[in-house]
Amino acid sequence: MRCKLGARPAWKNEHFKSRLRIDRAIDGLFAEETKCCAAELGKKLKRGYEKCNEQVDEDLLNGMSL
């Protein structure tokens, strides 16, 4: 079956739509996973920063210079 110049066969349109749905689903999952990882990293960094500040405060109280 030959198509007119510029026309797409129906299967190519379906293939394109399927690829688009898959790409959007992957993008959604990636965005969600990125947010979760960023939140977890933020928690770890904050906890690490607080521990670092506690150590600095203890060193200053003990008279140690940084």
PDB file of N, CA and C in Angstrom:
ATOM      1  N   MET A   1       0.842  -1.169   0.000  1.00  0.00           N
ATOM      2  CA  MET A   1       0.000   0.000   0.000  1.00  0.00           C
ATOM      3  C   MET A   1       0.892   1.239   0.000  1.00  0.00           C
ATOM      4  N   ARG A   2       0.707   2.055  -0.973  1.00  0.00           N
ATOM      5  CA  ARG A   2       1.517   3.258  -1.101  1.00  0.00           C
ATOM      6  C   ARG A   2       0.762   4.464  -0.569  1.00  0.00           C
ATOM      7  N   CYS A   3       1.481   5.341   0.053  1.00  0.00           N
ATOM      8  CA  CYS A   3       0.871   6.556   0.599  1.00  0.00           C
ATOM      9  C   CYS A   3       1.185   7.723  -0.314  1.00  0.00           C
ATOM     10  N   LYS A   4       0.328   8.690  -0.261  1.00  0.00           N
ATOM     11  CA  LYS A   4       0.600   9.910  -1.003  1.00  0.00           C
ATOM     12  C   LYS A   4       1.776  10.613  -0.341  1.00  0.00           C
ATOM     13  N   LEU A   5       2.440  11.408  -1.109  1.00  0.00           N
ATOM     14  CA  LEU A   5       3.583  12.149  -0.599  1.00  0.00           C
ATOM     15  C   LEU A   5       3.158  13.010   0.596  1.00  0.00           C
ATOM     16  N   GLY A   6       3.834  12.862   1.713  1.00  0.00           N
ATOM     17  CA  GLY A   6       3.546  13.647   2.905  1.00  0.00           C
ATOM     18  C   GLY A   6       2.565  12.992   3.855  1.00  0.00           C
ATOM     19  N   ALA A   7       1.885  11.949   3.426  1.00  0.00           N
ATOM     20  CA  ALA A   7       0.927  11.268   4.306  1.00  0.00           C
ATOM     21  C   ALA A   7       1.647  10.162   5.069  1.00  0.00           C
ATOM     22  N   ARG A   8       1.209   9.898   6.264  1.00  0.00           N
ATOM     23  CA  ARG A   8       1.795   8.836   7.087  1.00  0.00           C
ATOM     24  C   ARG A   8       0.844   7.652   7.134  1.00  0.00           C
ATOM     25  N   PRO A   9       1.391   6.466   7.092  1.00  0.00           N
ATOM     26  CA  PRO A   9       0.525   5.296   7.293  1.00  0.00           C
ATOM     27  C   PRO A   9      -0.004   5.283   8.733  1.00  0.00           C
ATOM     28  N   ALA A  10      -1.128   4.652   8.945  1.00  0.00           N
ATOM     29  CA  ALA A  10      -1.767   4.624  10.269  1.00  0.00           C
ATOM     30  C   ALA A  10      -0.861   4.000  11.325  1.00  0.00           C
ATOM     31  N   TRP A  11      -0.117   2.962  10.980  1.00  0.00           N
ATOM     32  CA  TRP A  11       0.727   2.301  11.973  1.00  0.00           C
ATOM     33  C   TRP A  11       1.836   3.222  12.459  1.00  0.00           C
ATOM     34  N   LYS A  12       2.310   4.122  11.585  1.00  0.00           N
ATOM     35  CA  LYS A  12       3.354   5.059  12.022  1.00  0.00           C
ATOM     36  C   LYS A  12       2.786   6.061  13.024  1.00  0.00           C
ATOM     37  N   ASN A  13       1.554   6.483  12.804  1.00  0.00           N
ATOM     38  CA  ASN A  13       0.911   7.401  13.753  1.00  0.00           C
ATOM     39  C   ASN A  13       0.743   6.731  15.113  1.00  0.00           C
ATOM     40  N   GLU A  14       0.284   5.478  15.111  1.00  0.00           N
ATOM     41  CA  GLU A  14       0.120   4.737  16.369  1.00  0.00           C
ATOM     42  C   GLU A  14       1.466   4.536  17.062  1.00  0.00           C
ATOM     43  N   HIS A  15       2.477   4.215  16.270  1.00  0.00           N
ATOM     44  CA  HIS A  15       3.819   4.015  16.827  1.00  0.00           C
ATOM     45  C   HIS A  15       4.303   5.306  17.488  1.00  0.00           C
ATOM     46  N   PHE A  16       4.107   6.426  16.813  1.00  0.00           N
ATOM     47  CA  PHE A  16       4.526   7.713  17.355  1.00  0.00           C
ATOM     48  C   PHE A  16       3.781   8.018  18.655  1.00  0.00           C
ATOM     49  N   LYS A  17       2.468   7.781  18.677  1.00  0.00           N
ATOM     50  CA  LYS A  17       1.674   8.041  19.882  1.00  0.00           C
ATOM     51  C   LYS A  17       2.119   7.146  21.038  1.00  0.00           C
ATOM     52  N   SER A  18       2.424   5.893  20.739  1.00  0.00           N
ATOM     53  CA  SER A  18       2.895   4.971  21.786  1.00  0.00           C
ATOM     54  C   SER A  18       4.226   5.436  22.349  1.00  0.00           C
ATOM     55  N   ARG A  19       5.137   5.824  21.474  1.00  0.00           N
ATOM     56  CA  ARG A  19       6.442   6.321  21.932  1.00  0.00           C
ATOM     57  C   ARG A  19       6.267   7.556  22.796  1.00  0.00           C
ATOM     58  N   LEU A  20       5.371   8.425  22.396  1.00  0.00           N
ATOM     59  CA  LEU A  20       5.126   9.648  23.155  1.00  0.00           C
ATOM     60  C   LEU A  20       4.589   9.326  24.551  1.00  0.00           C
ATOM     61  N   ARG A  21       3.647   8.386  24.648  1.00  0.00           N
ATOM     62  CA  ARG A  21       3.104   7.988  25.957  1.00  0.00           C
ATOM     63  C   ARG A  21       4.195   7.378  26.835  1.00  0.00           C
ATOM     64  N   ILE A  22       5.026   6.539  26.245  1.00  0.00           N
ATOM     65  CA  ILE A  22       6.112   5.911  27.003  1.00  0.00           C
ATOM     66  C   ILE A  22       7.099   6.964  27.489  1.00  0.00           C
ATOM     67  N   ASP A  23       7.468   7.888  26.604  1.00  0.00           N
ATOM     68  CA  ASP A  23       8.402   8.952  26.991  1.00  0.00           C
ATOM     69  C   ASP A  23       7.846   9.796  28.132  1.00  0.00           C
ATOM     70  N   ARG A  24       6.566  10.131  28.057  1.00  0.00           N
ATOM     71  CA  ARG A  24       5.952  10.937  29.121  1.00  0.00           C
ATOM     72  C   ARG A  24       5.909  10.175  30.435  1.00  0.00           C
ATOM     73  N   ALA A  25       5.630   8.877  30.362  1.00  0.00           N
ATOM     74  CA  ALA A  25       5.600   8.059  31.583  1.00  0.00           C
ATOM     75  C   ALA A  25       6.987   7.994  32.217  1.00  0.00           C
ATOM     76  N   ILE A  26       8.009   7.803  31.393  1.00  0.00           N
ATOM     77  CA  ILE A  26       9.387   7.753  31.899  1.00  0.00           C
ATOM     78  C   ILE A  26       9.769   9.095  32.506  1.00  0.00           C
ATOM     79  N   ASP A  27       9.419  10.181  31.825  1.00  0.00           N
ATOM     80  CA  ASP A  27       9.718  11.515  32.360  1.00  0.00           C
ATOM     81  C   ASP A  27       9.047  11.731  33.710  1.00  0.00           C
ATOM     82  N   GLY A  28       7.802  11.278  33.834  1.00  0.00           N
ATOM     83  CA  GLY A  28       7.080  11.413  35.101  1.00  0.00           C
ATOM     84  C   GLY A  28       7.745  10.633  36.218  1.00  0.00           C
ATOM     85  N   LEU A  29       8.138   9.394  35.913  1.00  0.00           N
ATOM     86  CA  LEU A  29       8.819   8.577  36.922  1.00  0.00           C
ATOM     87  C   LEU A  29      10.162   9.180  37.303  1.00  0.00           C
ATOM     88  N   PHE A  30      10.897   9.664  36.315  1.00  0.00           N
ATOM     89  CA  PHE A  30      12.200  10.264  36.576  1.00  0.00           C
ATOM     90  C   PHE A  30      12.051  11.507  37.447  1.00  0.00           C
ATOM     91  N   ALA A  31      11.064  12.333  37.142  1.00  0.00           N
ATOM     92  CA  ALA A  31      10.846  13.547  37.937  1.00  0.00           C
ATOM     93  C   ALA A  31      10.481  13.197  39.378  1.00  0.00           C
ATOM     94  N   GLU A  32       9.620  12.196  39.532  1.00  0.00           N
ATOM     95  CA  GLU A  32       9.213  11.781  40.881  1.00  0.00           C
ATOM     96  C   GLU A  32      10.402  11.224  41.663  1.00  0.00           C
ATOM     97  N   GLU A  33      11.198  10.383  41.020  1.00  0.00           N
ATOM     98  CA  GLU A  33      12.364   9.791  41.681  1.00  0.00           C
ATOM     99  C   GLU A  33      13.389  10.869  42.037  1.00  0.00           C
ATOM    100  N   THR A  34      13.557  11.838  41.144  1.00  0.00           N
ATOM    101  CA  THR A  34      14.499  12.928  41.396  1.00  0.00           C
ATOM    102  C   THR A  34      14.068  13.737  42.618  1.00  0.00           C
ATOM    103  N   LYS A  35      12.768  14.012  42.729  1.00  0.00           N
ATOM    104  CA  LYS A  35      12.269  14.759  43.892  1.00  0.00           C
ATOM    105  C   LYS A  35      12.515  13.981  45.179  1.00  0.00           C
ATOM    106  N   CYS A  36      12.264  12.673  45.142  1.00  0.00           N
ATOM    107  CA  CYS A  36      12.480  11.844  46.339  1.00  0.00           C
ATOM    108  C   CYS A  36      13.955  11.839  46.735  1.00  0.00           C
ATOM    109  N   CYS A  37      14.822  11.674  45.752  1.00  0.00           N
ATOM    110  CA  CYS A  37      16.264  11.648  46.035  1.00  0.00           C
ATOM    111  C   CYS A  37      16.745  13.003  46.541  1.00  0.00           C
ATOM    112  N   ALA A  38      16.234  14.077  45.956  1.00  0.00           N
ATOM    113  CA  ALA A  38      16.632  15.414  46.397  1.00  0.00           C
ATOM    114  C   ALA A  38      16.178  15.666  47.832  1.00  0.00           C
ATOM    115  N   ALA A  39      14.978  15.218  48.152  1.00  0.00           N
ATOM    116  CA  ALA A  39      14.475  15.396  49.519  1.00  0.00           C
ATOM    117  C   ALA A  39      15.325  14.605  50.505  1.00  0.00           C
ATOM    118  N   GLU A  40      15.652  13.377  50.145  1.00  0.00           N
ATOM    119  CA  GLU A  40      16.483  12.537  51.020  1.00  0.00           C
ATOM    120  C   GLU A  40      17.877  13.140  51.191  1.00  0.00           C
ATOM    121  N   LEU A  41      18.449  13.624  50.102  1.00  0.00           N
ATOM    122  CA  LEU A  41      19.772  14.245  50.174  1.00  0.00           C
ATOM    123  C   LEU A  41      19.720  15.495  51.044  1.00  0.00           C
ATOM    124  N   GLY A  42      18.654  16.273  50.883  1.00  0.00           N
ATOM    125  CA  GLY A  42      18.499  17.472  51.711  1.00  0.00           C
ATOM    126  C   GLY A  42      18.456  17.135  53.189  1.00  0.00           C
ATOM    127  N   LYS A  43      17.739  16.068  53.523  1.00  0.00           N
ATOM    128  CA  LYS A  43      17.676  15.640  54.927  1.00  0.00           C
ATOM    129  C   LYS A  43      19.058  15.235  55.425  1.00  0.00           C
ATOM    130  N   LYS A  44      19.785  14.482  54.613  1.00  0.00           N
ATOM    131  CA  LYS A  44      21.119  14.032  55.026  1.00  0.00           C
ATOM    132  C   LYS A  44      22.075  15.204  55.163  1.00  0.00           C
ATOM    133  N   LEU A  45      22.013  16.140  54.226  1.00  0.00           N
ATOM    134  CA  LEU A  45      22.913  17.291  54.295  1.00  0.00           C
ATOM    135  C   LEU A  45      22.597  18.158  55.503  1.00  0.00           C
ATOM    136  N   LYS A  46      21.321  18.353  55.775  1.00  0.00           N
ATOM    137  CA  LYS A  46      20.950  19.166  56.930  1.00  0.00           C
ATOM    138  C   LYS A  46      21.420  18.497  58.212  1.00  0.00           C
ATOM    139  N   ARG A  47      21.216  17.196  58.291  1.00  0.00           N
ATOM    140  CA  ARG A  47      21.642  16.460  59.478  1.00  0.00           C
ATOM    141  C   ARG A  47      23.165  16.537  59.612  1.00  0.00           C
ATOM    142  N   GLY A  48      23.864  16.406  58.497  1.00  0.00           N
ATOM    143  CA  GLY A  48      25.325  16.493  58.529  1.00  0.00           C
ATOM    144  C   GLY A  48      25.789  17.887  58.908  1.00  0.00           C
ATOM    145  N   TYR A  49      25.092  18.895  58.402  1.00  0.00           N
ATOM    146  CA  TYR A  49      25.439  20.271  58.722  1.00  0.00           C
ATOM    147  C   TYR A  49      25.212  20.553  60.199  1.00  0.00           C
ATOM    148  N   GLU A  50      24.101  20.048  60.731  1.00  0.00           N
ATOM    149  CA  GLU A  50      23.826  20.250  62.154  1.00  0.00           C
ATOM    150  C   GLU A  50      24.883  19.566  63.007  1.00  0.00           C
ATOM    151  N   LYS A  51      25.289  18.357  62.626  1.00  0.00           N
ATOM    152  CA  LYS A  51      26.339  17.659  63.376  1.00  0.00           C
ATOM    153  C   LYS A  51      27.645  18.434  63.296  1.00  0.00           C
ATOM    154  N   CYS A  52      27.936  18.980  62.131  1.00  0.00           N
ATOM    155  CA  CYS A  52      29.160  19.763  61.953  1.00  0.00           C
ATOM    156  C   CYS A  52      29.120  20.990  62.865  1.00  0.00           C
ATOM    157  N   ASN A  53      27.992  21.672  62.912  1.00  0.00           N
ATOM    158  CA  ASN A  53      27.856  22.845  63.777  1.00  0.00           C
ATOM    159  C   ASN A  53      27.992  22.469  65.238  1.00  0.00           C
ATOM    160  N   GLU A  54      27.436  21.334  65.633  1.00  0.00           N
ATOM    161  CA  GLU A  54      27.557  20.885  67.017  1.00  0.00           C
ATOM    162  C   GLU A  54      29.024  20.651  67.363  1.00  0.00           C
ATOM    163  N   GLN A  55      29.769  20.061  66.435  1.00  0.00           N
ATOM    164  CA  GLN A  55      31.189  19.797  66.666  1.00  0.00           C
ATOM    165  C   GLN A  55      31.954  21.108  66.784  1.00  0.00           C
ATOM    166  N   VAL A  56      31.650  22.067  65.920  1.00  0.00           N
ATOM    167  CA  VAL A  56      32.322  23.365  65.977  1.00  0.00           C
ATOM    168  C   VAL A  56      32.023  24.036  67.311  1.00  0.00           C
ATOM    169  N   ASP A  57      30.770  24.005  67.749  1.00  0.00           N
ATOM    170  CA  ASP A  57      30.402  24.614  69.028  1.00  0.00           C
ATOM    171  C   ASP A  57      31.163  23.962  70.182  1.00  0.00           C
ATOM    172  N   GLU A  58      31.270  22.645  70.172  1.00  0.00           N
ATOM    173  CA  GLU A  58      31.998  21.945  71.230  1.00  0.00           C
ATOM    174  C   GLU A  58      33.473  22.329  71.214  1.00  0.00           C
ATOM    175  N   ASP A  59      34.062  22.437  70.024  1.00  0.00           N
ATOM    176  CA  ASP A  59      35.467  22.818  69.916  1.00  0.00           C
ATOM    177  C   ASP A  59      35.688  24.224  70.458  1.00  0.00           C
ATOM    178  N   LEU A  60      34.771  25.133  70.146  1.00  0.00           N
ATOM    179  CA  LEU A  60      34.905  26.504  70.642  1.00  0.00           C
ATOM    180  C   LEU A  60      34.771  26.551  72.162  1.00  0.00           C
ATOM    181  N   LEU A  61      33.865  25.757  72.705  1.00  0.00           N
ATOM    182  CA  LEU A  61      33.685  25.718  74.156  1.00  0.00           C
ATOM    183  C   LEU A  61      34.916  25.146  74.849  1.00  0.00           C
ATOM    184  N   ASN A  62      35.587  24.219  74.195  1.00  0.00           N
ATOM    185  CA  ASN A  62      36.776  23.600  74.768  1.00  0.00           C
ATOM    186  C   ASN A  62      38.031  24.431  74.534  1.00  0.00           C
ATOM    187  N   GLY A  63      37.898  25.568  73.826  1.00  0.00           N
ATOM    188  CA  GLY A  63      39.041  26.443  73.613  1.00  0.00           C
ATOM    189  C   GLY A  63      39.924  26.043  72.450  1.00  0.00           C
ATOM    190  N   MET A  64      39.475  25.151  71.617  1.00  0.00           N
ATOM    191  CA  MET A  64      40.278  24.754  70.461  1.00  0.00           C
ATOM    192  C   MET A  64      40.036  25.740  69.333  1.00  0.00           C
ATOM    193  N   SER A  65      41.084  26.055  68.605  1.00  0.00           N
ATOM    194  CA  SER A  65      40.919  26.944  67.452  1.00  0.00           C
ATOM    195  C   SER A  65      40.650  26.103  66.214  1.00  0.00           C
ATOM    196  N   LEU A  66      39.966  26.718  65.284  1.00  0.00           N
ATOM    197  CA  LEU A  66      39.644  26.007  64.043  1.00  0.00           C
ATOM    198  C   LEU A  66      40.713  26.193  63.049  1.00  0.00           C
TER     199      LEU A  66
END
